[in-house]
Amino acid sequence: MAAVIKAKWGTHPSFLNILSRKRTLFDTLAPLAPNNMAEGARVVPTKWINKGIEGSYWTVTGVSFTDGFRNGTATGIRTWKGKADKEAREIPDAIKLSWRLYTDPNEYAQLKKKL
């Protein structure tokens, strides 16, 4: 398969850059914005996932986009190792870190049992 890709697109195909590109918080939330689903979404920096920190994520309470959904400000409630903060605050490192939507492993296991 790699030989076919190399023959057709060369040694460094540009479409692979999309897969390895860092997704900012706003890149992650932008597809949810048209349906007003960004608020209430649970997001997690991939740094936390890579370190094995479980039960930790941000629940987005507000988001405002600028620069065509590429920048902005986001507020949320941090849940750290299962304990939620009492008040919402600005989500730090929204541009600096790579983010993804959070999936609770327990919910996934329950869904798997039902299927």
PDB file of N, CA and C in Angstrom:
ATOM      1  N   MET A   1       0.819  -1.192   0.000  1.00  0.00           N
ATOM      2  CA  MET A   1       0.000   0.000   0.000  1.00  0.00           C
ATOM      3  C   MET A   1       0.860   1.252   0.000  1.00  0.00           C
ATOM      4  N   ALA A   2       1.921   1.235   0.813  1.00  0.00           N
ATOM      5  CA  ALA A   2       2.813   2.392   0.881  1.00  0.00           C
ATOM      6  C   ALA A   2       3.471   2.648  -0.466  1.00  0.00           C
ATOM      7  N   ALA A   3       3.791   1.578  -1.196  1.00  0.00           N
ATOM      8  CA  ALA A   3       4.415   1.739  -2.510  1.00  0.00           C
ATOM      9  C   ALA A   3       3.462   2.406  -3.496  1.00  0.00           C
ATOM     10  N   VAL A   4       2.178   2.072  -3.399  1.00  0.00           N
ATOM     11  CA  VAL A   4       1.175   2.682  -4.274  1.00  0.00           C
ATOM     12  C   VAL A   4       1.050   4.171  -3.976  1.00  0.00           C
ATOM     13  N   ILE A   5       0.990   4.526  -2.704  1.00  0.00           N
ATOM     14  CA  ILE A   5       0.896   5.941  -2.317  1.00  0.00           C
ATOM     15  C   ILE A   5       2.141   6.689  -2.767  1.00  0.00           C
ATOM     16  N   LYS A   6       3.298   6.090  -2.559  1.00  0.00           N
ATOM     17  CA  LYS A   6       4.554   6.735  -2.947  1.00  0.00           C
ATOM     18  C   LYS A   6       4.611   6.937  -4.460  1.00  0.00           C
ATOM     19  N   ALA A   7       4.165   5.942  -5.228  1.00  0.00           N
ATOM     20  CA  ALA A   7       4.185   6.051  -6.683  1.00  0.00           C
ATOM     21  C   ALA A   7       3.208   7.113  -7.187  1.00  0.00           C
ATOM     22  N   LYS A   8       2.066   7.219  -6.544  1.00  0.00           N
ATOM     23  CA  LYS A   8       1.036   8.147  -7.015  1.00  0.00           C
ATOM     24  C   LYS A   8       1.248   9.573  -6.521  1.00  0.00           C
ATOM     25  N   TRP A   9       1.626   9.757  -5.227  1.00  0.00           N
ATOM     26  CA  TRP A   9       1.694  11.098  -4.647  1.00  0.00           C
ATOM     27  C   TRP A   9       3.095  11.516  -4.194  1.00  0.00           C
ATOM     28  N   GLY A  10       4.075  10.648  -4.274  1.00  0.00           N
ATOM     29  CA  GLY A  10       5.425  11.001  -3.849  1.00  0.00           C
ATOM     30  C   GLY A  10       5.694  10.550  -2.419  1.00  0.00           C
ATOM     31  N   THR A  11       6.889  10.900  -1.919  1.00  0.00           N
ATOM     32  CA  THR A  11       7.293  10.417  -0.598  1.00  0.00           C
ATOM     33  C   THR A  11       6.606  11.141   0.550  1.00  0.00           C
ATOM     34  N   HIS A  12       6.191  12.385   0.354  1.00  0.00           N
ATOM     35  CA  HIS A  12       5.535  13.156   1.415  1.00  0.00           C
ATOM     36  C   HIS A  12       4.237  13.775   0.894  1.00  0.00           C
ATOM     37  N   PRO A  13       3.154  12.980   0.753  1.00  0.00           N
ATOM     38  CA  PRO A  13       1.903  13.531   0.235  1.00  0.00           C
ATOM     39  C   PRO A  13       1.332  14.598   1.168  1.00  0.00           C
ATOM     40  N   SER A  14       0.824  15.672   0.576  1.00  0.00           N
ATOM     41  CA  SER A  14       0.343  16.802   1.371  1.00  0.00           C
ATOM     42  C   SER A  14      -0.893  16.454   2.197  1.00  0.00           C
ATOM     43  N   PHE A  15      -1.703  15.487   1.746  1.00  0.00           N
ATOM     44  CA  PHE A  15      -2.911  15.163   2.506  1.00  0.00           C
ATOM     45  C   PHE A  15      -2.599  14.529   3.858  1.00  0.00           C
ATOM     46  N   LEU A  16      -1.393  14.024   4.052  1.00  0.00           N
ATOM     47  CA  LEU A  16      -1.024  13.477   5.356  1.00  0.00           C
ATOM     48  C   LEU A  16      -0.830  14.569   6.397  1.00  0.00           C
ATOM     49  N   ASN A  17      -0.571  15.799   5.969  1.00  0.00           N
ATOM     50  CA  ASN A  17      -0.422  16.909   6.909  1.00  0.00           C
ATOM     51  C   ASN A  17      -1.705  17.155   7.685  1.00  0.00           C
ATOM     52  N   ILE A  18      -2.842  16.920   7.065  1.00  0.00           N
ATOM     53  CA  ILE A  18      -4.131  17.127   7.731  1.00  0.00           C
ATOM     54  C   ILE A  18      -4.269  16.177   8.915  1.00  0.00           C
ATOM     55  N   LEU A  19      -3.786  14.955   8.767  1.00  0.00           N
ATOM     56  CA  LEU A  19      -3.917  13.968   9.832  1.00  0.00           C
ATOM     57  C   LEU A  19      -3.032  14.283  11.026  1.00  0.00           C
ATOM     58  N   SER A  20      -1.859  14.851  10.774  1.00  0.00           N
ATOM     59  CA  SER A  20      -0.928  15.110  11.862  1.00  0.00           C
ATOM     60  C   SER A  20      -1.038  16.531  12.406  1.00  0.00           C
ATOM     61  N   ARG A  21      -1.906  17.342  11.828  1.00  0.00           N
ATOM     62  CA  ARG A  21      -2.027  18.737  12.228  1.00  0.00           C
ATOM     63  C   ARG A  21      -2.653  18.848  13.613  1.00  0.00           C
ATOM     64  N   LYS A  22      -2.138  19.791  14.384  1.00  0.00           N
ATOM     65  CA  LYS A  22      -2.684  20.051  15.713  1.00  0.00           C
ATOM     66  C   LYS A  22      -4.068  20.684  15.568  1.00  0.00           C
ATOM     67  N   ARG A  23      -5.038  20.193  16.328  1.00  0.00           N
ATOM     68  CA  ARG A  23      -6.388  20.760  16.320  1.00  0.00           C
ATOM     69  C   ARG A  23      -6.550  21.612  17.570  1.00  0.00           C
ATOM     70  N   THR A  24      -6.702  22.918  17.366  1.00  0.00           N
ATOM     71  CA  THR A  24      -6.928  23.799  18.499  1.00  0.00           C
ATOM     72  C   THR A  24      -8.318  23.540  19.065  1.00  0.00           C
ATOM     73  N   LEU A  25      -8.605  24.144  20.192  1.00  0.00           N
ATOM     74  CA  LEU A  25      -9.931  24.002  20.784  1.00  0.00           C
ATOM     75  C   LEU A  25     -11.002  24.496  19.821  1.00  0.00           C
ATOM     76  N   PHE A  26     -10.710  25.581  19.107  1.00  0.00           N
ATOM     77  CA  PHE A  26     -11.698  26.155  18.198  1.00  0.00           C
ATOM     78  C   PHE A  26     -11.871  25.310  16.941  1.00  0.00           C
ATOM     79  N   ASP A  27     -10.812  24.635  16.483  1.00  0.00           N
ATOM     80  CA  ASP A  27     -10.942  23.674  15.388  1.00  0.00           C
ATOM     81  C   ASP A  27     -11.853  22.519  15.800  1.00  0.00           C
ATOM     82  N   THR A  28     -11.748  22.108  17.048  1.00  0.00           N
ATOM     83  CA  THR A  28     -12.545  20.995  17.558  1.00  0.00           C
ATOM     84  C   THR A  28     -14.013  21.383  17.722  1.00  0.00           C
ATOM     85  N   LEU A  29     -14.271  22.615  18.196  1.00  0.00           N
ATOM     86  CA  LEU A  29     -15.643  23.054  18.461  1.00  0.00           C
ATOM     87  C   LEU A  29     -16.357  23.625  17.237  1.00  0.00           C
ATOM     88  N   ALA A  30     -15.621  24.066  16.230  1.00  0.00           N
ATOM     89  CA  ALA A  30     -16.225  24.731  15.071  1.00  0.00           C
ATOM     90  C   ALA A  30     -17.309  23.897  14.377  1.00  0.00           C
ATOM     91  N   PRO A  31     -17.123  22.589  14.159  1.00  0.00           N
ATOM     92  CA  PRO A  31     -18.194  21.824  13.511  1.00  0.00           C
ATOM     93  C   PRO A  31     -19.483  21.751  14.338  1.00  0.00           C
ATOM     94  N   LEU A  32     -19.388  21.958  15.637  1.00  0.00           N
ATOM     95  CA  LEU A  32     -20.564  21.897  16.505  1.00  0.00           C
ATOM     96  C   LEU A  32     -21.302  23.231  16.579  1.00  0.00           C
ATOM     97  N   ALA A  33     -20.646  24.312  16.196  1.00  0.00           N
ATOM     98  CA  ALA A  33     -21.193  25.659  16.375  1.00  0.00           C
ATOM     99  C   ALA A  33     -22.472  25.935  15.583  1.00  0.00           C
ATOM    100  N   PRO A  34     -22.601  25.523  14.313  1.00  0.00           N
ATOM    101  CA  PRO A  34     -23.819  25.867  13.571  1.00  0.00           C
ATOM    102  C   PRO A  34     -25.104  25.350  14.213  1.00  0.00           C
ATOM    103  N   ASN A  35     -25.042  24.262  14.944  1.00  0.00           N
ATOM    104  CA  ASN A  35     -26.230  23.696  15.595  1.00  0.00           C
ATOM    105  C   ASN A  35     -26.300  24.045  17.077  1.00  0.00           C
ATOM    106  N   ASN A  36     -25.491  25.017  17.510  1.00  0.00           N
ATOM    107  CA  ASN A  36     -25.425  25.426  18.919  1.00  0.00           C
ATOM    108  C   ASN A  36     -25.106  24.253  19.841  1.00  0.00           C
ATOM    109  N   MET A  37     -24.275  23.356  19.372  1.00  0.00           N
ATOM    110  CA  MET A  37     -23.915  22.194  20.181  1.00  0.00           C
ATOM    111  C   MET A  37     -22.545  22.347  20.836  1.00  0.00           C
ATOM    112  N   ALA A  38     -21.857  23.458  20.569  1.00  0.00           N
ATOM    113  CA  ALA A  38     -20.534  23.659  21.169  1.00  0.00           C
ATOM    114  C   ALA A  38     -20.655  23.824  22.680  1.00  0.00           C
ATOM    115  N   GLU A  39     -21.684  24.550  23.115  1.00  0.00           N
ATOM    116  CA  GLU A  39     -21.899  24.696  24.555  1.00  0.00           C
ATOM    117  C   GLU A  39     -22.439  23.383  25.097  1.00  0.00           C
ATOM    118  N   GLY A  40     -21.793  22.883  26.108  1.00  0.00           N
ATOM    119  CA  GLY A  40     -22.158  21.588  26.674  1.00  0.00           C
ATOM    120  C   GLY A  40     -21.246  20.468  26.207  1.00  0.00           C
ATOM    121  N   ALA A  41     -20.447  20.740  25.178  1.00  0.00           N
ATOM    122  CA  ALA A  41     -19.511  19.722  24.689  1.00  0.00           C
ATOM    123  C   ALA A  41     -18.411  19.502  25.722  1.00  0.00           C
ATOM    124  N   ARG A  42     -17.950  18.277  25.806  1.00  0.00           N
ATOM    125  CA  ARG A  42     -16.833  17.960  26.694  1.00  0.00           C
ATOM    126  C   ARG A  42     -15.588  17.782  25.833  1.00  0.00           C
ATOM    127  N   VAL A  43     -14.537  18.508  26.187  1.00  0.00           N
ATOM    128  CA  VAL A  43     -13.291  18.474  25.426  1.00  0.00           C
ATOM    129  C   VAL A  43     -12.124  18.190  26.358  1.00  0.00           C
ATOM    130  N   VAL A  44     -11.068  17.670  25.779  1.00  0.00           N
ATOM    131  CA  VAL A  44      -9.889  17.323  26.575  1.00  0.00           C
ATOM    132  C   VAL A  44      -8.643  17.597  25.740  1.00  0.00           C
ATOM    133  N   PRO A  45      -7.612  18.174  26.354  1.00  0.00           N
ATOM    134  CA  PRO A  45      -6.354  18.307  25.616  1.00  0.00           C
ATOM    135  C   PRO A  45      -5.706  16.934  25.442  1.00  0.00           C
ATOM    136  N   THR A  46      -5.168  16.680  24.273  1.00  0.00           N
ATOM    137  CA  THR A  46      -4.551  15.375  24.026  1.00  0.00           C
ATOM    138  C   THR A  46      -3.365  15.139  24.955  1.00  0.00           C
ATOM    139  N   LYS A  47      -2.799  16.209  25.469  1.00  0.00           N
ATOM    140  CA  LYS A  47      -1.698  16.090  26.434  1.00  0.00           C
ATOM    141  C   LYS A  47      -2.150  15.297  27.663  1.00  0.00           C
ATOM    142  N   TRP A  48      -3.376  15.536  28.131  1.00  0.00           N
ATOM    143  CA  TRP A  48      -3.902  14.809  29.292  1.00  0.00           C
ATOM    144  C   TRP A  48      -4.101  13.339  28.947  1.00  0.00           C
ATOM    145  N   ILE A  49      -4.573  13.064  27.741  1.00  0.00           N
ATOM    146  CA  ILE A  49      -4.797  11.682  27.318  1.00  0.00           C
ATOM    147  C   ILE A  49      -3.465  10.941  27.252  1.00  0.00           C
ATOM    148  N   ASN A  50      -2.472  11.582  26.657  1.00  0.00           N
ATOM    149  CA  ASN A  50      -1.151  10.956  26.513  1.00  0.00           C
ATOM    150  C   ASN A  50      -0.492  10.682  27.857  1.00  0.00           C
ATOM    151  N   LYS A  51      -0.778  11.510  28.859  1.00  0.00           N
ATOM    152  CA  LYS A  51      -0.214  11.304  30.195  1.00  0.00           C
ATOM    153  C   LYS A  51      -1.017  10.286  31.004  1.00  0.00           C
ATOM    154  N   GLY A  52      -2.165   9.841  30.476  1.00  0.00           N
ATOM    155  CA  GLY A  52      -2.977   8.848  31.166  1.00  0.00           C
ATOM    156  C   GLY A  52      -3.826   9.416  32.289  1.00  0.00           C
ATOM    157  N   ILE A  53      -4.128  10.710  32.232  1.00  0.00           N
ATOM    158  CA  ILE A  53      -4.955  11.344  33.260  1.00  0.00           C
ATOM    159  C   ILE A  53      -6.414  11.032  32.939  1.00  0.00           C
ATOM    160  N   GLU A  54      -7.046  10.220  33.762  1.00  0.00           N
ATOM    161  CA  GLU A  54      -8.411   9.766  33.494  1.00  0.00           C
ATOM    162  C   GLU A  54      -9.429  10.613  34.237  1.00  0.00           C
ATOM    163  N   GLY A  55     -10.632  10.705  33.674  1.00  0.00           N
ATOM    164  CA  GLY A  55     -11.723  11.440  34.307  1.00  0.00           C
ATOM    165  C   GLY A  55     -11.506  12.940  34.333  1.00  0.00           C
ATOM    166  N   SER A  56     -10.698  13.459  33.423  1.00  0.00           N
ATOM    167  CA  SER A  56     -10.391  14.885  33.395  1.00  0.00           C
ATOM    168  C   SER A  56     -10.753  15.458  32.030  1.00  0.00           C
ATOM    169  N   TYR A  57     -11.531  16.531  32.032  1.00  0.00           N
ATOM    170  CA  TYR A  57     -11.989  17.164  30.799  1.00  0.00           C
ATOM    171  C   TYR A  57     -12.569  18.531  31.126  1.00  0.00           C
ATOM    172  N   TRP A  58     -12.895  19.299  30.107  1.00  0.00           N
ATOM    173  CA  TRP A  58     -13.573  20.587  30.244  1.00  0.00           C
ATOM    174  C   TRP A  58     -14.969  20.460  29.650  1.00  0.00           C
ATOM    175  N   THR A  59     -15.983  20.976  30.347  1.00  0.00           N
ATOM    176  CA  THR A  59     -17.326  21.089  29.808  1.00  0.00           C
ATOM    177  C   THR A  59     -17.505  22.534  29.380  1.00  0.00           C
ATOM    178  N   VAL A  60     -17.688  22.756  28.097  1.00  0.00           N
ATOM    179  CA  VAL A  60     -17.765  24.108  27.544  1.00  0.00           C
ATOM    180  C   VAL A  60     -19.094  24.742  27.948  1.00  0.00           C
ATOM    181  N   THR A  61     -19.015  25.934  28.569  1.00  0.00           N
ATOM    182  CA  THR A  61     -20.228  26.662  28.953  1.00  0.00           C
ATOM    183  C   THR A  61     -20.485  27.851  28.044  1.00  0.00           C
ATOM    184  N   GLY A  62     -19.471  28.301  27.351  1.00  0.00           N
ATOM    185  CA  GLY A  62     -19.636  29.416  26.426  1.00  0.00           C
ATOM    186  C   GLY A  62     -18.460  29.493  25.481  1.00  0.00           C
ATOM    187  N   VAL A  63     -18.742  29.875  24.249  1.00  0.00           N
ATOM    188  CA  VAL A  63     -17.672  30.019  23.263  1.00  0.00           C
ATOM    189  C   VAL A  63     -18.045  31.129  22.291  1.00  0.00           C
ATOM    190  N   SER A  64     -17.078  31.966  21.976  1.00  0.00           N
ATOM    191  CA  SER A  64     -17.274  32.976  20.937  1.00  0.00           C
ATOM    192  C   SER A  64     -16.105  32.860  19.972  1.00  0.00           C
ATOM    193  N   PHE A  65     -16.439  32.744  18.697  1.00  0.00           N
ATOM    194  CA  PHE A  65     -15.439  32.543  17.659  1.00  0.00           C
ATOM    195  C   PHE A  65     -15.090  33.867  16.993  1.00  0.00           C
ATOM    196  N   THR A  66     -13.838  33.997  16.586  1.00  0.00           N
ATOM    197  CA  THR A  66     -13.392  35.117  15.760  1.00  0.00           C
ATOM    198  C   THR A  66     -12.511  34.550  14.654  1.00  0.00           C
ATOM    199  N   ASP A  67     -12.198  35.367  13.687  1.00  0.00           N
ATOM    200  CA  ASP A  67     -11.277  34.982  12.615  1.00  0.00           C
ATOM    201  C   ASP A  67     -11.750  33.710  11.904  1.00  0.00           C
ATOM    202  N   GLY A  68     -13.041  33.678  11.562  1.00  0.00           N
ATOM    203  CA  GLY A  68     -13.565  32.538  10.813  1.00  0.00           C
ATOM    204  C   GLY A  68     -13.468  31.217  11.543  1.00  0.00           C
ATOM    205  N   PHE A  69     -13.861  31.183  12.801  1.00  0.00           N
ATOM    206  CA  PHE A  69     -13.873  29.976  13.636  1.00  0.00           C
ATOM    207  C   PHE A  69     -12.472  29.467  13.979  1.00  0.00           C
ATOM    208  N   ARG A  70     -11.432  30.251  13.755  1.00  0.00           N
ATOM    209  CA  ARG A  70     -10.065  29.795  14.027  1.00  0.00           C
ATOM    210  C   ARG A  70      -9.533  30.288  15.361  1.00  0.00           C
ATOM    211  N   ASN A  71     -10.214  31.231  15.970  1.00  0.00           N
ATOM    212  CA  ASN A  71      -9.741  31.837  17.206  1.00  0.00           C
ATOM    213  C   ASN A  71     -10.959  32.227  18.031  1.00  0.00           C
ATOM    214  N   GLY A  72     -10.745  32.769  19.215  1.00  0.00           N
ATOM    215  CA  GLY A  72     -11.852  33.226  20.037  1.00  0.00           C
ATOM    216  C   GLY A  72     -11.572  33.040  21.510  1.00  0.00           C
ATOM    217  N   THR A  73     -12.652  32.969  22.278  1.00  0.00           N
ATOM    218  CA  THR A  73     -12.545  32.693  23.708  1.00  0.00           C
ATOM    219  C   THR A  73     -13.557  31.611  24.065  1.00  0.00           C
ATOM    220  N   ALA A  74     -13.186  30.805  25.021  1.00  0.00           N
ATOM    221  CA  ALA A  74     -14.072  29.733  25.474  1.00  0.00           C
ATOM    222  C   ALA A  74     -14.012  29.660  26.992  1.00  0.00           C
ATOM    223  N   THR A  75     -15.165  29.466  27.600  1.00  0.00           N
ATOM    224  CA  THR A  75     -15.238  29.277  29.043  1.00  0.00           C
ATOM    225  C   THR A  75     -15.801  27.887  29.316  1.00  0.00           C
ATOM    226  N   GLY A  76     -15.466  27.369  30.485  1.00  0.00           N
ATOM    227  CA  GLY A  76     -15.953  26.045  30.816  1.00  0.00           C
ATOM    228  C   GLY A  76     -15.689  25.680  32.257  1.00  0.00           C
ATOM    229  N   ILE A  77     -16.215  24.544  32.629  1.00  0.00           N
ATOM    230  CA  ILE A  77     -16.026  23.993  33.968  1.00  0.00           C
ATOM    231  C   ILE A  77     -15.067  22.813  33.842  1.00  0.00           C
ATOM    232  N   ARG A  78     -13.968  22.889  34.566  1.00  0.00           N
ATOM    233  CA  ARG A  78     -12.967  21.828  34.517  1.00  0.00           C
ATOM    234  C   ARG A  78     -13.356  20.706  35.469  1.00  0.00           C
ATOM    235  N   THR A  79     -13.292  19.496  34.973  1.00  0.00           N
ATOM    236  CA  THR A  79     -13.432  18.304  35.802  1.00  0.00           C
ATOM    237  C   THR A  79     -12.063  17.646  35.828  1.00  0.00           C
ATOM    238  N   TRP A  80     -11.482  17.560  37.023  1.00  0.00           N
ATOM    239  CA  TRP A  80     -10.136  17.017  37.175  1.00  0.00           C
ATOM    240  C   TRP A  80     -10.205  15.750  38.010  1.00  0.00           C
ATOM    241  N   LYS A  81      -9.895  14.634  37.388  1.00  0.00           N
ATOM    242  CA  LYS A  81      -9.910  13.322  38.037  1.00  0.00           C
ATOM    243  C   LYS A  81     -11.238  13.054  38.736  1.00  0.00           C
ATOM    244  N   GLY A  82     -12.330  13.412  38.038  1.00  0.00           N
ATOM    245  CA  GLY A  82     -13.672  13.136  38.525  1.00  0.00           C
ATOM    246  C   GLY A  82     -14.303  14.208  39.376  1.00  0.00           C
ATOM    247  N   LYS A  83     -13.565  15.245  39.769  1.00  0.00           N
ATOM    248  CA  LYS A  83     -14.113  16.308  40.610  1.00  0.00           C
ATOM    249  C   LYS A  83     -14.242  17.592  39.796  1.00  0.00           C
ATOM    250  N   ALA A  84     -15.477  18.108  39.717  1.00  0.00           N
ATOM    251  CA  ALA A  84     -15.745  19.310  38.919  1.00  0.00           C
ATOM    252  C   ALA A  84     -15.518  20.571  39.740  1.00  0.00           C
ATOM    253  N   ASP A  85     -14.957  21.600  39.093  1.00  0.00           N
ATOM    254  CA  ASP A  85     -14.832  22.912  39.726  1.00  0.00           C
ATOM    255  C   ASP A  85     -16.223  23.492  39.935  1.00  0.00           C
ATOM    256  N   LYS A  86     -16.332  24.438  40.854  1.00  0.00           N
ATOM    257  CA  LYS A  86     -17.633  25.037  41.156  1.00  0.00           C
ATOM    258  C   LYS A  86     -18.034  26.109  40.150  1.00  0.00           C
ATOM    259  N   GLU A  87     -17.059  26.834  39.598  1.00  0.00           N
ATOM    260  CA  GLU A  87     -17.376  27.944  38.700  1.00  0.00           C
ATOM    261  C   GLU A  87     -16.699  27.762  37.349  1.00  0.00           C
ATOM    262  N   ALA A  88     -17.350  28.328  36.340  1.00  0.00           N
ATOM    263  CA  ALA A  88     -16.764  28.324  35.000  1.00  0.00           C
ATOM    264  C   ALA A  88     -15.667  29.375  34.920  1.00  0.00           C
ATOM    265  N   ARG A  89     -14.670  29.087  34.113  1.00  0.00           N
ATOM    266  CA  ARG A  89     -13.592  30.046  33.879  1.00  0.00           C
ATOM    267  C   ARG A  89     -13.098  29.871  32.449  1.00  0.00           C
ATOM    268  N   GLU A  90     -12.249  30.807  32.019  1.00  0.00           N
ATOM    269  CA  GLU A  90     -11.730  30.721  30.658  1.00  0.00           C
ATOM    270  C   GLU A  90     -10.851  29.477  30.522  1.00  0.00           C
ATOM    271  N   ILE A  91     -11.044  28.769  29.438  1.00  0.00           N
ATOM    272  CA  ILE A  91     -10.269  27.557  29.189  1.00  0.00           C
ATOM    273  C   ILE A  91      -8.877  27.975  28.711  1.00  0.00           C
ATOM    274  N   PRO A  92      -7.834  27.591  29.449  1.00  0.00           N
ATOM    275  CA  PRO A  92      -6.479  28.011  29.069  1.00  0.00           C
ATOM    276  C   PRO A  92      -5.916  27.179  27.911  1.00  0.00           C
ATOM    277  N   ASP A  93      -4.949  27.742  27.236  1.00  0.00           N
ATOM    278  CA  ASP A  93      -4.207  27.049  26.173  1.00  0.00           C
ATOM    279  C   ASP A  93      -5.102  26.549  25.044  1.00  0.00           C
ATOM    280  N   ALA A  94      -6.155  27.308  24.734  1.00  0.00           N
ATOM    281  CA  ALA A  94      -7.092  26.902  23.688  1.00  0.00           C
ATOM    282  C   ALA A  94      -6.426  26.820  22.320  1.00  0.00           C
ATOM    283  N   ILE A  95      -5.457  27.685  22.082  1.00  0.00           N
ATOM    284  CA  ILE A  95      -4.745  27.688  20.803  1.00  0.00           C
ATOM    285  C   ILE A  95      -3.457  26.876  20.895  1.00  0.00           C
ATOM    286  N   LYS A  96      -2.838  26.893  22.043  1.00  0.00           N
ATOM    287  CA  LYS A  96      -1.513  26.292  22.215  1.00  0.00           C
ATOM    288  C   LYS A  96      -1.540  24.761  22.155  1.00  0.00           C
ATOM    289  N   LEU A  97      -2.524  24.143  22.808  1.00  0.00           N
ATOM    290  CA  LEU A  97      -2.576  22.681  22.889  1.00  0.00           C
ATOM    291  C   LEU A  97      -3.429  22.087  21.776  1.00  0.00           C
ATOM    292  N   SER A  98      -3.288  20.794  21.577  1.00  0.00           N
ATOM    293  CA  SER A  98      -4.132  20.048  20.659  1.00  0.00           C
ATOM    294  C   SER A  98      -5.301  19.477  21.466  1.00  0.00           C
ATOM    295  N   TRP A  99      -6.531  19.581  20.932  1.00  0.00           N
ATOM    296  CA  TRP A  99      -7.745  19.195  21.655  1.00  0.00           C
ATOM    297  C   TRP A  99      -8.543  18.165  20.874  1.00  0.00           C
ATOM    298  N   ARG A 100      -9.384  17.421  21.604  1.00  0.00           N
ATOM    299  CA  ARG A 100     -10.351  16.513  20.981  1.00  0.00           C
ATOM    300  C   ARG A 100     -11.585  16.413  21.869  1.00  0.00           C
ATOM    301  N   LEU A 101     -12.659  15.906  21.316  1.00  0.00           N
ATOM    302  CA  LEU A 101     -13.868  15.706  22.106  1.00  0.00           C
ATOM    303  C   LEU A 101     -13.625  14.566  23.090  1.00  0.00           C
ATOM    304  N   TYR A 102     -14.178  14.714  24.283  1.00  0.00           N
ATOM    305  CA  TYR A 102     -13.980  13.727  25.344  1.00  0.00           C
ATOM    306  C   TYR A 102     -15.058  12.661  25.259  1.00  0.00           C
ATOM    307  N   THR A 103     -14.640  11.423  25.354  1.00  0.00           N
ATOM    308  CA  THR A 103     -15.559  10.295  25.421  1.00  0.00           C
ATOM    309  C   THR A 103     -15.299   9.571  26.732  1.00  0.00           C
ATOM    310  N   ASP A 104     -16.323   9.483  27.561  1.00  0.00           N
ATOM    311  CA  ASP A 104     -16.186   8.813  28.850  1.00  0.00           C
ATOM    312  C   ASP A 104     -16.032   7.311  28.623  1.00  0.00           C
ATOM    313  N   PRO A 105     -14.969   6.709  29.117  1.00  0.00           N
ATOM    314  CA  PRO A 105     -14.768   5.271  28.919  1.00  0.00           C
ATOM    315  C   PRO A 105     -15.900   4.425  29.498  1.00  0.00           C
ATOM    316  N   ASN A 106     -16.514   4.872  30.592  1.00  0.00           N
ATOM    317  CA  ASN A 106     -17.619   4.115  31.194  1.00  0.00           C
ATOM    318  C   ASN A 106     -18.840   4.112  30.283  1.00  0.00           C
ATOM    319  N   GLU A 107     -19.141   5.260  29.667  1.00  0.00           N
ATOM    320  CA  GLU A 107     -20.268   5.322  28.741  1.00  0.00           C
ATOM    321  C   GLU A 107     -20.016   4.425  27.534  1.00  0.00           C
ATOM    322  N   TYR A 108     -18.785   4.416  27.068  1.00  0.00           N
ATOM    323  CA  TYR A 108     -18.422   3.569  25.931  1.00  0.00           C
ATOM    324  C   TYR A 108     -18.596   2.095  26.290  1.00  0.00           C
ATOM    325  N   ALA A 109     -18.183   1.702  27.484  1.00  0.00           N
ATOM    326  CA  ALA A 109     -18.308   0.305  27.917  1.00  0.00           C
ATOM    327  C   ALA A 109     -19.777  -0.099  28.042  1.00  0.00           C
ATOM    328  N   GLN A 110     -20.618   0.808  28.567  1.00  0.00           N
ATOM    329  CA  GLN A 110     -22.046   0.511  28.695  1.00  0.00           C
ATOM    330  C   GLN A 110     -22.697   0.355  27.324  1.00  0.00           C
ATOM    331  N   LEU A 111     -22.323   1.223  26.392  1.00  0.00           N
ATOM    332  CA  LEU A 111     -22.861   1.129  25.041  1.00  0.00           C
ATOM    333  C   LEU A 111     -22.431  -0.172  24.377  1.00  0.00           C
ATOM    334  N   LYS A 112     -21.200  -0.558  24.608  1.00  0.00           N
ATOM    335  CA  LYS A 112     -20.682  -1.796  24.032  1.00  0.00           C
ATOM    336  C   LYS A 112     -21.443  -3.008  24.569  1.00  0.00           C
ATOM    337  N   LYS A 113     -21.818  -2.974  25.854  1.00  0.00           N
ATOM    338  CA  LYS A 113     -22.589  -4.076  26.443  1.00  0.00           C
ATOM    339  C   LYS A 113     -23.979  -4.169  25.822  1.00  0.00           C
ATOM    340  N   LYS A 114     -24.588  -3.016  25.529  1.00  0.00           N
ATOM    341  CA  LYS A 114     -25.929  -3.000  24.947  1.00  0.00           C
ATOM    342  C   LYS A 114     -25.937  -3.556  23.532  1.00  0.00           C
ATOM    343  N   LEU A 115     -24.848  -3.351  22.821  1.00  0.00           N
ATOM    344  CA  LEU A 115     -24.779  -3.842  21.445  1.00  0.00           C
ATOM    345  C   LEU A 115     -24.420  -5.306  21.461  1.00  0.00           C
TER     346      LEU A 115
END
